[in-house]
Protein backbone atom coordinates (compact mmCIF):
# COMPACT_ATOMS: atom_id res chain seq x y z
CA MET A 1 14.38 41.28 6.12
CA SER A 2 16.34 39.49 8.84
CA ALA A 3 17.02 35.81 9.50
CA LEU A 4 17.79 35.08 5.86
CA SER A 5 21.07 33.94 4.33
CA ASP A 6 22.72 35.96 1.59
CA GLU A 7 21.46 33.45 -1.01
CA GLN A 8 17.93 33.64 0.30
CA GLN A 9 17.97 37.42 0.56
CA THR A 10 19.17 37.74 -3.04
CA ILE A 11 16.13 35.77 -4.20
CA VAL A 12 13.76 37.76 -2.00
CA ASP A 13 15.07 41.10 -3.27
CA ALA A 14 15.30 40.11 -6.95
CA PRO A 15 13.44 42.25 -9.53
CA LEU A 16 9.82 41.48 -10.33
CA GLU A 17 10.51 39.13 -13.19
CA PRO A 18 10.22 35.38 -13.82
CA MET A 19 12.84 33.30 -12.03
CA SER A 20 13.96 29.72 -11.62
CA VAL A 21 15.46 28.71 -8.26
CA ILE A 22 17.29 25.38 -8.01
CA ALA A 23 17.37 24.56 -4.31
CA CYS A 24 19.00 21.69 -2.47
CA ALA A 25 17.09 19.64 0.11
CA GLY A 26 16.77 21.35 3.48
CA SER A 27 17.72 24.76 2.06
CA GLY A 28 14.79 26.68 3.51
CA LYS A 29 13.13 27.15 0.14
CA THR A 30 9.65 27.23 1.66
CA ARG A 31 10.60 30.08 3.99
CA THR A 32 12.37 31.85 1.14
CA ALA A 33 9.25 31.54 -1.02
CA VAL A 34 7.07 33.17 1.65
CA TYR A 35 9.50 36.07 2.10
CA ARG A 36 9.69 36.45 -1.67
CA VAL A 37 5.89 36.69 -1.99
CA ILE A 38 5.72 39.30 0.76
CA GLU A 39 8.38 41.39 -0.95
CA MET A 40 6.67 41.00 -4.33
CA ARG A 41 3.40 42.23 -2.91
CA ARG A 42 5.21 45.14 -1.25
CA LYS A 43 6.87 46.18 -4.51
CA LEU A 44 3.58 45.95 -6.40
CA GLY A 45 2.11 48.57 -4.06
CA GLU A 46 -1.33 49.66 -5.29
CA HIS A 47 -1.18 47.45 -8.37
CA ARG A 48 -4.39 45.43 -8.43
CA GLY A 49 -2.78 42.26 -9.74
CA ARG A 50 -2.66 39.30 -7.37
CA VAL A 51 0.30 37.20 -6.32
CA ALA A 52 -0.32 33.45 -6.14
CA LEU A 53 1.93 31.18 -4.04
CA LEU A 54 1.27 27.57 -4.97
CA SER A 55 2.57 24.14 -3.99
CA PHE A 56 1.47 20.52 -4.35
CA SER A 57 0.35 19.40 -0.89
CA ASN A 58 -2.08 20.65 1.72
CA VAL A 59 0.67 20.30 4.36
CA ALA A 60 2.92 22.72 2.45
CA VAL A 61 0.05 25.16 1.89
CA ASP A 62 -0.87 25.14 5.57
CA THR A 63 2.78 25.94 6.40
CA PHE A 64 2.80 28.74 3.83
CA ARG A 65 -0.35 30.28 5.26
CA ALA A 66 0.86 30.09 8.87
CA ASP A 67 4.25 31.62 7.99
CA PHE A 68 2.64 34.33 5.87
CA ARG A 69 0.27 35.34 8.68
CA ALA A 70 3.08 35.37 11.24
CA LEU A 71 5.43 37.44 9.06
CA THR A 72 2.83 39.98 7.93
CA ASP A 73 1.05 40.50 11.24
CA GLY A 74 0.93 44.26 11.78
CA LEU A 75 2.35 45.13 8.34
CA HIS A 76 -0.04 47.69 6.89
CA ASP A 77 1.66 47.92 3.50
CA ILE A 78 0.87 44.30 2.57
CA ARG A 79 -2.41 43.71 0.75
CA HIS A 80 -3.45 40.37 2.25
CA GLY A 81 -6.41 40.07 -0.07
CA ARG A 82 -4.11 40.25 -3.06
CA VAL A 83 -1.99 37.26 -2.03
CA GLU A 84 -3.48 33.81 -2.61
CA ILE A 85 -1.87 30.69 -1.16
CA ASP A 86 -3.14 27.33 -2.35
CA THR A 87 -2.25 24.01 -3.92
CA MET A 88 -1.82 23.99 -7.67
CA ASP A 89 -4.98 21.91 -8.00
CA GLY A 90 -6.81 24.17 -5.55
CA PHE A 91 -5.88 27.17 -7.69
CA ILE A 92 -7.15 25.39 -10.80
CA THR A 93 -10.38 24.41 -9.05
CA THR A 94 -11.16 27.80 -7.56
CA SER A 95 -10.06 30.06 -10.41
CA ILE A 96 -11.05 28.01 -13.44
CA LEU A 97 -13.05 24.83 -12.99
CA ARG A 98 -15.87 25.87 -10.68
CA ALA A 99 -16.60 29.17 -12.34
CA HIS A 100 -15.87 28.53 -16.01
CA ALA A 101 -15.41 24.86 -16.93
CA TYR A 102 -19.12 24.07 -17.32
CA ARG A 103 -19.10 25.66 -20.78
CA THR A 104 -16.33 23.42 -22.04
CA MET A 105 -17.50 20.34 -20.11
CA GLY A 106 -21.05 20.71 -21.40
CA CYS A 107 -22.73 20.44 -18.00
CA ASP A 108 -25.52 22.54 -16.50
CA ARG A 109 -24.11 22.68 -12.95
CA THR A 110 -20.97 23.76 -11.14
CA PRO A 111 -18.32 21.06 -11.75
CA PHE A 112 -17.39 19.00 -8.70
CA LEU A 113 -14.56 16.72 -7.58
CA VAL A 114 -15.59 13.10 -7.07
CA ALA A 115 -14.31 10.97 -4.20
CA GLY A 116 -15.05 7.64 -5.90
CA THR A 117 -17.84 6.74 -3.45
CA GLU A 118 -20.67 8.49 -5.28
CA PRO A 119 -23.49 6.08 -6.30
CA PHE A 120 -23.88 7.54 -9.81
CA LEU A 121 -20.34 6.40 -10.68
CA GLN A 122 -21.64 2.83 -10.86
CA ASN A 123 -23.30 3.73 -14.19
CA LYS A 124 -21.61 1.54 -16.81
CA ASP A 125 -21.63 4.38 -19.34
CA LEU A 126 -19.28 6.38 -17.09
CA LYS A 127 -16.63 3.65 -16.83
CA PHE A 128 -13.08 3.89 -18.10
CA TRP A 129 -11.91 0.65 -19.73
CA VAL A 130 -8.33 -0.53 -19.32
CA GLN A 131 -6.77 -2.50 -22.17
CA PRO A 132 -3.76 -4.51 -20.91
CA ALA A 133 -1.19 -5.84 -23.36
CA SER A 134 -2.59 -9.32 -22.85
CA GLY A 135 -5.95 -10.41 -21.56
CA LYS A 136 -9.39 -8.84 -21.60
CA ALA A 137 -10.18 -5.21 -21.04
CA PHE A 138 -11.56 -4.41 -17.58
CA PRO A 139 -13.40 -1.40 -16.14
CA VAL A 140 -11.95 1.04 -13.61
CA GLN A 141 -13.94 0.80 -10.40
CA PRO A 142 -15.17 4.09 -8.89
CA ASN A 143 -12.84 3.92 -5.89
CA ASP A 144 -9.90 3.59 -8.32
CA LEU A 145 -10.78 6.62 -10.44
CA HIS A 146 -7.87 8.51 -8.86
CA LYS A 147 -5.56 6.03 -10.62
CA VAL A 148 -6.64 7.28 -14.05
CA VAL A 149 -3.69 9.38 -15.25
CA VAL A 150 -3.93 12.02 -17.97
CA ASN A 151 -0.82 13.40 -19.67
CA LEU A 152 -0.03 15.45 -22.73
CA GLN A 153 2.23 13.99 -25.40
CA ALA A 154 2.98 16.18 -28.41
CA GLY A 155 0.03 18.31 -27.38
CA ARG A 156 -2.43 15.41 -27.36
CA PRO A 157 -3.97 13.88 -24.20
CA THR A 158 -3.21 10.31 -23.20
CA PHE A 159 -5.27 8.33 -20.71
CA GLN A 160 -3.68 5.55 -18.64
CA PHE A 161 -4.37 3.50 -15.52
CA ARG A 162 -1.80 3.07 -12.74
CA GLN A 163 -1.60 -0.53 -11.59
CA HIS A 164 1.26 -1.97 -9.51
CA GLY A 165 3.67 0.69 -10.70
CA ALA A 166 2.82 0.24 -14.38
CA LEU A 167 0.77 2.48 -16.69
CA LEU A 168 -1.82 0.59 -18.74
CA PRO A 169 -3.60 2.20 -21.71
CA ILE A 170 -7.26 3.17 -21.46
CA ASN A 171 -9.19 2.58 -24.66
CA ASN A 172 -12.07 5.03 -24.13
CA GLY A 173 -10.43 7.92 -22.31
CA PRO A 174 -11.96 10.87 -24.23
CA VAL A 175 -15.42 9.28 -24.32
CA ALA A 176 -15.57 8.44 -20.60
CA THR A 177 -14.12 11.85 -19.68
CA ALA A 178 -16.72 13.63 -21.81
CA ARG A 179 -19.55 11.63 -20.22
CA LEU A 180 -18.31 12.41 -16.72
CA GLY A 181 -17.88 16.02 -17.76
CA ALA A 182 -21.50 16.18 -18.94
CA VAL A 183 -22.65 15.53 -15.35
CA GLY A 184 -19.99 17.93 -13.96
CA ALA A 185 -17.74 15.27 -12.42
CA TYR A 186 -13.96 15.23 -12.46
CA THR A 187 -10.95 13.83 -10.59
CA HIS A 188 -7.78 15.85 -10.00
CA ASP A 189 -6.21 14.51 -13.20
CA LEU A 190 -9.37 15.06 -15.22
CA GLY A 191 -9.66 18.52 -13.69
CA ARG A 192 -6.24 19.43 -15.08
CA TYR A 193 -7.32 18.11 -18.48
CA TRP A 194 -10.47 20.25 -18.42
CA CYS A 195 -8.55 23.27 -17.17
CA HIS A 196 -6.16 23.07 -20.12
CA ARG A 197 -9.08 22.78 -22.51
CA VAL A 198 -10.89 25.73 -20.89
CA LEU A 199 -7.86 28.00 -21.22
CA THR A 200 -7.32 26.88 -24.80
CA GLU A 201 -10.97 27.22 -25.86
CA GLN A 202 -11.82 30.37 -23.87
CA PRO A 203 -9.04 32.87 -24.74
CA ARG A 204 -10.84 35.80 -23.08
CA LEU A 205 -10.79 33.92 -19.78
CA LEU A 206 -7.08 33.20 -20.21
CA GLN A 207 -6.35 36.90 -20.71
CA ALA A 208 -8.48 37.83 -17.68
CA LEU A 209 -6.67 35.29 -15.47
CA ALA A 210 -3.26 36.58 -16.57
CA ARG A 211 -4.31 40.12 -15.65
CA ARG A 212 -5.70 38.96 -12.31
CA TYR A 213 -2.63 36.85 -11.39
CA SER A 214 0.23 39.02 -12.52
CA HIS A 215 2.77 36.94 -10.57
CA ILE A 216 2.67 33.20 -9.80
CA LEU A 217 5.34 31.52 -7.62
CA ILE A 218 5.34 27.73 -7.42
CA ASP A 219 7.20 25.80 -4.73
CA GLU A 220 8.21 22.13 -5.16
CA SER A 221 8.26 22.80 -8.90
CA GLN A 222 9.90 19.48 -9.66
CA ASP A 223 6.36 18.08 -9.18
CA ILE A 224 4.98 19.97 -12.19
CA GLY A 225 3.57 17.38 -14.60
CA THR A 226 2.74 17.68 -18.29
CA LEU A 227 -0.73 19.17 -17.83
CA HIS A 228 0.47 21.61 -15.18
CA GLN A 229 3.29 22.59 -17.55
CA ALA A 230 0.83 23.29 -20.34
CA ILE A 231 -1.43 25.36 -18.06
CA LEU A 232 1.48 27.46 -16.76
CA THR A 233 2.83 27.94 -20.27
CA LEU A 234 -0.55 29.29 -21.37
CA LEU A 235 -0.71 31.69 -18.41
CA ALA A 236 2.87 32.86 -19.04
CA SER A 237 2.17 33.43 -22.73
CA ALA A 238 -0.84 35.58 -21.74
CA GLY A 239 1.25 37.79 -19.46
CA SER A 240 1.53 36.13 -16.03
CA GLN A 241 5.06 36.22 -14.63
CA VAL A 242 5.72 32.65 -13.50
CA SER A 243 8.53 31.79 -11.08
CA LEU A 244 9.58 28.28 -10.04
CA ILE A 245 11.48 27.01 -7.02
CA GLY A 246 12.37 23.40 -6.32
CA ASP A 247 14.89 20.56 -6.44
CA PRO A 248 14.98 18.58 -9.71
CA HIS A 249 16.62 15.68 -7.86
CA GLN A 250 13.34 15.19 -5.98
CA GLY A 251 11.23 14.71 -9.12
CA ILE A 252 9.54 11.38 -8.30
CA TYR A 253 6.20 11.59 -10.11
CA GLY A 254 7.31 10.29 -13.46
CA PHE A 255 3.88 8.84 -14.27
CA ALA A 256 2.62 12.46 -14.45
CA GLY A 257 5.65 13.66 -16.41
CA ALA A 258 7.02 15.34 -13.26
CA ASP A 259 10.70 14.38 -13.35
CA GLY A 260 12.26 17.78 -12.60
CA LYS A 261 13.27 18.50 -16.21
CA PHE A 262 10.71 21.29 -16.64
CA LEU A 263 12.18 23.12 -13.65
CA THR A 264 15.71 22.77 -15.01
CA SER A 265 14.83 23.85 -18.54
CA TYR A 266 12.73 26.79 -17.34
CA GLY A 267 15.85 28.52 -16.05
CA LEU A 268 17.26 28.46 -19.59
CA THR A 269 14.22 30.22 -21.05
CA GLN A 270 14.75 33.73 -22.37
CA GLY A 271 13.62 36.33 -19.85
CA VAL A 272 13.88 33.96 -16.86
CA SER A 273 16.60 34.65 -14.24
CA SER A 274 18.30 31.69 -12.53
CA TYR A 275 19.21 31.46 -8.84
CA GLY A 276 20.36 28.77 -6.44
CA LEU A 277 20.11 27.73 -2.78
CA THR A 278 23.11 25.62 -1.79
CA ARG A 279 23.19 25.60 2.02
CA ASN A 280 21.49 22.70 3.82
CA TYR A 281 20.00 23.59 7.21
CA ARG A 282 18.46 20.15 7.85
CA SER A 283 21.00 17.34 7.79
CA VAL A 284 24.19 16.71 9.72
CA PRO A 285 27.38 16.83 7.59
CA ALA A 286 27.70 13.04 7.35
CA ILE A 287 24.25 12.70 5.75
CA LEU A 288 24.76 15.69 3.47
CA THR A 289 28.05 14.19 2.25
CA ILE A 290 26.12 11.09 1.16
CA ALA A 291 23.46 13.23 -0.56
CA ASN A 292 26.09 15.31 -2.37
CA GLY A 293 27.77 12.17 -3.62
CA LEU A 294 24.48 10.82 -4.97
CA SER A 295 23.52 14.06 -6.71
CA SER A 296 26.97 15.37 -7.73
CA ARG A 297 26.19 18.60 -5.83
CA THR A 298 28.50 20.48 -3.48
CA ASP A 299 25.98 21.86 -1.01
CA MET A 300 27.26 23.08 2.37
CA ALA A 301 25.98 21.86 5.74
CA ASN A 302 24.86 24.54 8.15
CA ARG A 303 24.85 22.22 11.16
CA PRO A 304 27.77 21.15 13.35
CA THR A 305 28.58 17.50 13.87
CA PRO A 306 26.64 16.32 16.95
CA GLU A 307 28.20 14.28 19.73
CA ALA A 308 25.45 11.68 19.77
CA GLN A 309 25.30 8.80 17.29
CA HIS A 310 24.50 10.28 13.90
CA GLY A 311 25.11 9.90 10.20
CA ALA A 312 24.23 7.39 7.47
CA PHE A 313 24.30 3.63 8.15
CA PHE A 314 23.28 0.44 6.37
CA ILE A 315 22.04 -2.78 7.92
CA GLY A 316 21.29 -6.16 6.41
CA TYR A 317 17.94 -7.87 6.93
CA LYS A 318 16.07 -10.95 5.75
CA ALA A 319 12.53 -10.76 4.35
CA ALA A 320 11.09 -12.36 7.48
CA GLU A 321 12.94 -9.93 9.75
CA GLN A 322 11.36 -6.62 8.76
CA GLU A 323 9.60 -6.16 12.09
CA GLN A 324 12.85 -6.89 13.95
CA LEU A 325 14.61 -4.33 11.76
CA VAL A 326 12.05 -1.69 12.67
CA SER A 327 12.52 -2.53 16.35
CA ALA A 328 16.32 -2.21 16.01
CA PHE A 329 15.86 1.17 14.31
CA ARG A 330 13.61 2.34 17.12
CA ALA A 331 16.19 1.29 19.69
CA ALA A 332 19.00 3.08 17.82
CA THR A 333 16.89 6.22 17.53
CA THR A 334 16.21 6.23 21.26
CA ALA A 335 19.87 5.53 22.09
CA ALA A 336 20.90 8.54 20.01
CA GLY A 337 18.61 10.77 22.06
CA LEU A 338 16.30 11.39 19.10
CA ARG A 339 12.49 11.58 19.11
CA LEU A 340 10.63 8.50 17.96
CA GLU A 341 7.52 10.56 17.28
CA HIS A 342 9.61 12.70 14.89
CA SER A 343 11.10 9.69 13.08
CA ALA A 344 9.91 7.57 10.18
CA VAL A 345 10.18 4.19 8.49
CA ILE A 346 9.69 4.72 4.77
CA CYS A 347 9.17 2.27 1.91
CA ARG A 348 8.61 2.41 -1.84
CA GLY A 349 5.10 0.96 -1.92
CA ARG A 350 1.85 1.25 0.00
CA GLU A 351 1.53 -2.55 0.23
CA GLN A 352 4.74 -2.81 2.26
CA VAL A 353 3.72 0.13 4.45
CA ASN A 354 0.38 -1.51 5.22
CA LYS A 355 2.07 -4.80 6.06
CA LEU A 356 4.47 -3.14 8.50
CA ALA A 357 1.67 -1.07 10.00
CA GLY A 358 -0.52 -4.12 10.46
CA SER A 359 -3.20 -3.00 8.02
CA GLY A 360 -2.30 -5.02 4.94
CA THR A 361 -5.13 -7.55 5.15
CA VAL A 362 -8.36 -6.64 3.36
CA ILE A 363 -11.03 -6.45 6.05
CA GLY A 364 -14.68 -5.93 5.21
CA GLN A 365 -16.34 -4.97 1.99
CA GLY A 366 -17.40 -1.67 0.44
CA THR A 367 -18.29 1.01 2.94
CA VAL A 368 -17.61 -1.24 5.93
CA LYS A 369 -14.11 -1.82 4.56
CA GLY A 370 -13.61 1.96 4.62
CA PHE A 371 -14.77 2.22 8.24
CA ALA A 372 -12.51 -0.71 9.21
CA SER A 373 -9.55 0.96 7.53
CA ALA A 374 -10.31 4.17 9.44
CA ALA A 375 -10.41 2.32 12.77
CA ILE A 376 -7.05 0.69 12.01
CA HIS A 377 -5.51 4.01 11.00
CA ARG A 378 -6.72 5.62 14.21
CA ASP A 379 -5.96 2.86 16.71
CA LYS A 380 -2.98 1.06 15.20
CA ARG A 381 -1.14 3.99 13.62
CA GLN A 382 -2.58 6.99 15.53
CA ASP A 383 -3.18 8.53 12.10
CA TYR A 384 -6.31 10.50 12.90
CA LEU A 385 -6.25 12.55 9.70
CA SER A 386 -6.33 9.49 7.41
CA ALA A 387 -9.05 8.01 9.60
CA PHE A 388 -11.09 11.21 9.33
CA LYS A 389 -10.80 11.33 5.54
CA ALA A 390 -11.85 7.68 5.27
CA VAL A 391 -14.85 8.22 7.56
CA ALA A 392 -15.91 11.32 5.62
CA GLY A 393 -15.90 9.36 2.35
CA CYS A 394 -17.88 6.52 3.93
CA ILE A 395 -20.53 8.82 5.41
CA VAL A 396 -21.04 10.69 2.13
CA SER A 397 -21.45 7.36 0.32
CA LEU A 398 -24.40 6.64 2.65
CA LEU A 399 -26.29 9.79 1.63
CA VAL A 400 -28.92 10.25 -1.06
CA ASP A 401 -27.88 12.84 -3.65
CA PRO A 402 -25.24 14.55 -1.48
CA PRO A 403 -24.10 18.04 -2.48
CA PRO A 404 -21.27 18.08 -5.03
CA ARG A 405 -17.78 18.24 -3.53
CA LEU A 406 -19.12 17.31 -0.07
CA VAL A 407 -16.15 15.06 0.78
CA GLU A 408 -13.79 17.78 -0.37
CA MET A 409 -15.67 20.38 1.68
CA ILE A 410 -15.58 18.25 4.83
CA THR A 411 -11.87 17.39 4.61
CA GLN A 412 -10.47 20.79 3.59
CA GLN A 413 -11.07 23.07 6.54
CA ALA A 414 -9.23 26.14 5.28
CA ARG A 415 -11.09 26.25 1.98
CA TYR A 416 -14.62 25.51 3.29
CA PRO A 417 -15.18 27.13 6.69
CA GLU A 418 -18.93 27.19 6.03
CA VAL A 419 -19.26 23.45 6.85
CA ARG A 420 -17.37 23.59 10.16
CA LEU A 421 -20.33 22.25 12.18
CA LEU A 422 -20.71 19.25 9.85
CA ARG A 423 -16.96 18.71 9.96
CA ARG A 424 -17.05 18.81 13.76
CA GLU A 425 -19.72 16.07 13.81
CA ILE A 426 -17.62 13.75 11.67
CA TRP A 427 -14.40 14.54 13.55
CA SER A 428 -16.15 13.74 16.82
CA PHE A 429 -17.40 10.43 15.41
CA THR A 430 -13.91 9.58 14.13
CA ARG A 431 -12.04 10.40 17.33
CA ASN A 432 -14.34 8.81 19.90
CA PRO A 433 -14.16 4.98 20.12
CA ASP A 434 -16.66 5.02 23.01
CA ALA A 435 -19.49 6.77 21.18
CA GLY A 436 -18.33 7.02 17.55
CA LEU A 437 -16.22 4.76 15.33
CA PRO A 438 -15.83 1.61 17.47
CA ALA A 439 -12.46 0.52 18.81
CA ALA A 440 -10.44 -1.73 16.51
CA THR A 441 -9.77 -4.12 19.41
CA LEU A 442 -13.39 -5.34 19.40
CA GLN A 443 -14.36 -8.61 17.71
CA ALA A 444 -14.95 -7.48 14.13
CA ASP A 445 -17.92 -9.51 12.90
CA ALA A 446 -19.91 -9.27 16.12
CA GLN A 447 -19.14 -6.50 18.59
CA TRP A 448 -17.45 -4.01 16.26
CA HIS A 449 -19.93 -4.36 13.39
CA GLN A 450 -22.99 -4.15 15.66
CA LEU A 451 -21.76 -0.95 17.29
CA LEU A 452 -20.74 0.49 13.92
CA CYS A 453 -24.24 0.04 12.51
CA GLU A 454 -25.90 1.53 15.59
CA ARG A 455 -23.61 4.54 15.74
CA VAL A 456 -23.59 5.24 12.01
CA LYS A 457 -27.41 5.24 12.03
CA ALA A 458 -27.40 7.68 14.95
CA LEU A 459 -24.87 9.92 13.18
CA LEU A 460 -26.90 9.89 9.95
CA GLN A 461 -30.00 10.90 11.92
CA ARG A 462 -28.10 13.85 13.38
CA LEU A 463 -26.94 14.83 9.92
CA ARG A 464 -30.53 14.68 8.68
CA ASP A 465 -31.87 16.76 11.58
CA GLY A 466 -29.03 19.26 11.79
CA HIS A 467 -27.80 19.58 8.22
CA GLY A 468 -30.62 18.40 5.96
CA LEU A 469 -28.66 15.43 4.58
CA THR A 470 -30.77 12.41 3.63
CA PRO A 471 -29.48 8.88 4.46
CA THR A 472 -29.80 6.06 1.95
CA THR A 473 -32.71 3.65 2.31
CA THR A 474 -30.39 0.69 1.64
CA LEU A 475 -28.24 1.14 4.72
CA GLY A 476 -28.41 -2.54 5.61
CA ASN A 477 -26.88 -3.60 2.29
CA LYS A 478 -24.20 -0.93 2.41
CA LEU A 479 -23.21 -1.91 5.95
CA ALA A 480 -23.14 -5.68 5.43
CA LYS A 481 -20.52 -7.50 7.49
CA LYS A 482 -19.13 -9.65 4.66
CA ASN A 483 -15.38 -10.41 4.95
CA LEU A 484 -15.19 -9.30 8.58
CA PRO A 485 -13.17 -11.75 10.71
CA SER A 486 -14.28 -13.24 14.01
CA THR A 487 -11.19 -11.67 15.58
CA PRO A 488 -10.41 -8.02 16.43
CA LEU A 489 -9.44 -5.68 13.60
CA VAL A 490 -6.26 -5.05 15.59
CA PRO A 491 -5.11 -7.22 18.51
CA ALA A 492 -4.79 -5.27 21.76
CA ALA A 493 -1.14 -6.34 22.07
CA ASP A 494 -0.33 -4.56 18.80
CA LEU A 495 -1.83 -1.34 20.15
CA VAL A 496 0.35 -1.47 23.24
CA GLU A 497 3.48 -1.86 21.13
CA THR A 498 2.49 0.99 18.80
CA GLN A 499 1.68 3.36 21.65
CA ASP A 500 4.90 2.60 23.49
CA LEU A 501 7.06 3.10 20.42
CA PRO A 502 5.43 5.61 18.10
CA VAL A 503 7.10 5.96 14.74
CA ARG A 504 5.57 6.93 11.44
CA ILE A 505 5.42 4.30 8.69
CA ASP A 506 4.76 5.68 5.21
CA THR A 507 5.81 5.78 1.57
CA VAL A 508 8.61 7.97 0.25
CA HIS A 509 6.10 9.88 -1.87
CA GLN A 510 4.00 10.76 1.18
CA VAL A 511 6.90 12.13 3.24
CA LYS A 512 8.49 14.22 0.49
CA GLY A 513 8.73 17.80 1.70
CA GLU A 514 9.00 16.73 5.35
CA SER A 515 11.98 16.16 7.65
CA PHE A 516 12.58 13.71 10.52
CA ASP A 517 15.11 13.22 13.30
CA ALA A 518 15.75 9.66 12.12
CA VAL A 519 14.77 7.74 8.98
CA LEU A 520 14.84 4.05 8.08
CA TYR A 521 14.55 3.44 4.33
CA LEU A 522 13.51 -0.18 3.86
CA ALA A 523 14.79 -0.99 0.38
CA ALA A 524 14.92 -3.88 -2.04
CA LYS A 525 18.17 -4.74 -3.85
CA ASP A 526 17.26 -2.81 -7.00
CA HIS A 527 16.27 0.20 -4.89
CA VAL A 528 19.71 0.26 -3.26
CA GLU A 529 21.45 -0.16 -6.62
CA ALA A 530 19.45 2.71 -8.11
CA LEU A 531 20.19 4.90 -5.07
CA LEU A 532 23.92 4.31 -5.41
CA ALA A 533 23.78 4.98 -9.16
CA GLY A 534 22.61 8.55 -8.54
CA VAL A 535 19.63 10.66 -9.55
CA ASP A 536 19.36 9.96 -13.27
CA THR A 537 16.49 7.49 -12.74
CA GLU A 538 13.25 7.93 -10.86
CA VAL A 539 14.07 5.08 -8.46
CA GLY A 540 17.41 6.76 -7.78
CA ARG A 541 15.67 10.07 -7.06
CA ILE A 542 13.27 8.27 -4.72
CA GLY A 543 16.30 7.03 -2.79
CA TYR A 544 17.73 10.55 -2.75
CA VAL A 545 14.48 11.87 -1.29
CA ALA A 546 14.64 9.18 1.40
CA VAL A 547 18.20 10.11 2.41
CA THR A 548 17.52 13.83 2.52
CA ARG A 549 14.50 13.52 4.86
CA ALA A 550 16.85 12.72 7.77
CA ARG A 551 18.20 15.37 10.11
CA ASP A 552 20.49 13.28 12.35
CA LEU A 553 20.27 9.57 11.62
CA PHE A 554 19.66 7.62 8.41
CA TRP A 555 19.44 3.85 8.20
CA LEU A 556 19.34 1.99 4.90
CA GLY A 557 17.83 -1.48 5.13
CA VAL A 558 19.64 -3.76 2.63
CA PRO A 559 18.45 -7.29 1.80
CA HIS A 560 20.81 -9.79 3.41
CA ASN A 561 21.45 -11.66 0.16
CA ALA A 562 22.71 -8.46 -1.48
CA LEU A 563 25.12 -7.40 1.27
CA GLN A 564 28.22 -9.09 -0.12
CA THR A 565 27.84 -7.33 -3.46
CA LEU A 566 26.72 -3.93 -2.20
CA ARG A 567 28.84 -3.57 0.96
CA PRO A 568 32.02 -2.27 -0.76
CA ILE A 569 30.07 0.32 -2.74
CA LEU A 570 28.11 1.50 0.31
CA LEU A 571 31.29 1.87 2.36
CA SER A 572 33.01 3.78 -0.44
CA ARG A 573 30.07 6.21 -0.57
CA GLY A 574 30.40 7.03 3.12
CA PHE A 575 27.83 4.75 4.70
CA GLN A 576 28.77 2.93 7.91
CA GLU A 577 27.66 -0.64 8.61
CA VAL A 578 25.53 -1.44 11.61
CA GLY A 579 25.47 -5.17 11.05
CA THR A 580 22.53 -7.46 10.45
CA VAL A 581 19.26 -8.00 12.25
């Protein structure tokens, strides 16, 4: 195959055996993985075993599928039906949970993923209870179920609740999980727990899956947590040939046990061949030099040094000057001839992102809060996908006994084409401020809320007539206007500024796997210190991920009161100083 480097080609052409590929950021590992899967399927010929290509985000999977279609168009020797491309959780759901988990879960229906908006989750018997070190235990609310984390420690499950970056113990994890399982409900974390139990308790199924999926290749393997590790280990022990590709320095999901160590140790396992990708095609040399220094790697840049302003810089800022810092970054990006719409401001936490994006204030209550959040996402941030997902969850919460997995079906187009007409209805409602979700510039408690109620009722009537979905009889209570201000959700002036200067604002975790022309990493003092200390800690790896997202320009925002201490270290590492806001 053409257009591959020697390193990439070696991986593509390797024998059909388990492998571990340690790849640097920007090395083209996604493209290499697609070529590798194509070659694997070619070598398997008429063998009926399937090849699974898995990753950890829908964005990565969509890229995989598009590249696979483009590269195999017209190739008659590739068995398309014997190559499956999905997320790791999608693979678990499709291959194990839906078809087989009901036996282990003890339910009489096909298990389904909950969104947290389902009315039955209000049942007190289904609550997880968090036991902090001090104070009273408190229940996990349905919309926070996704914060319940399940890990394996010494082969035993542990249940914890993520709150403000900490993991708090849950005192009734097995009981609450079993009760949810009895009605067929699970979250992604609970789904992994049930999957592991299914494969452990149903050995015939495990053997059948290993025969069906003779080869499994997992991209972004530094994101493999403890439950995923256990599932893959079971499949490998039953005969599946498992290959991993990723960058251990980007392991930033420590709460799930995904710190990159499994990827590193897998290459030392007997029967597993080790490979590397060491050429960076993304970043200019000045940025790669910084990244190499942080990670103690010696990766080579494949890009020349541009003439325009480029490289890695730091700039001091005061807490009250964050908006001015973002404006300065936008100006520098434009001056360098880079694309604002392909640039990003990234932070550690969602709270800071929301504050910068103008959506940090809690507006509304319950379902109305969800609709308000969607309007802000759409109009303030031009984030139509997040708005659509929020609207889908809100609409489903207003239905009586909706089909299981309905939110999942609406929001995952590739996996559920059968609901395209329903999806189109909700997309149309989300996109259209004139006839659907009202504009965020309207007065919230009067104009916006009145239009929301009218239009939601009309949409629900269409869903009843066209799709057989029954609206709740308590719509008035669910659409109450409590906590709505007498001002617009978003001032019109803020919309003008956002539209004139588009730039993405998001967390480091959300942008991992992506690349941008220019990046501003808005860091606290301890974040900068951890970044400079290297990749031995999770906070350090988060900083490494931030640096390696940038193609041409990287700015590090440093608190003004830490400049005197950190400046000499930053300069010695190769950063240049811009100044202060």
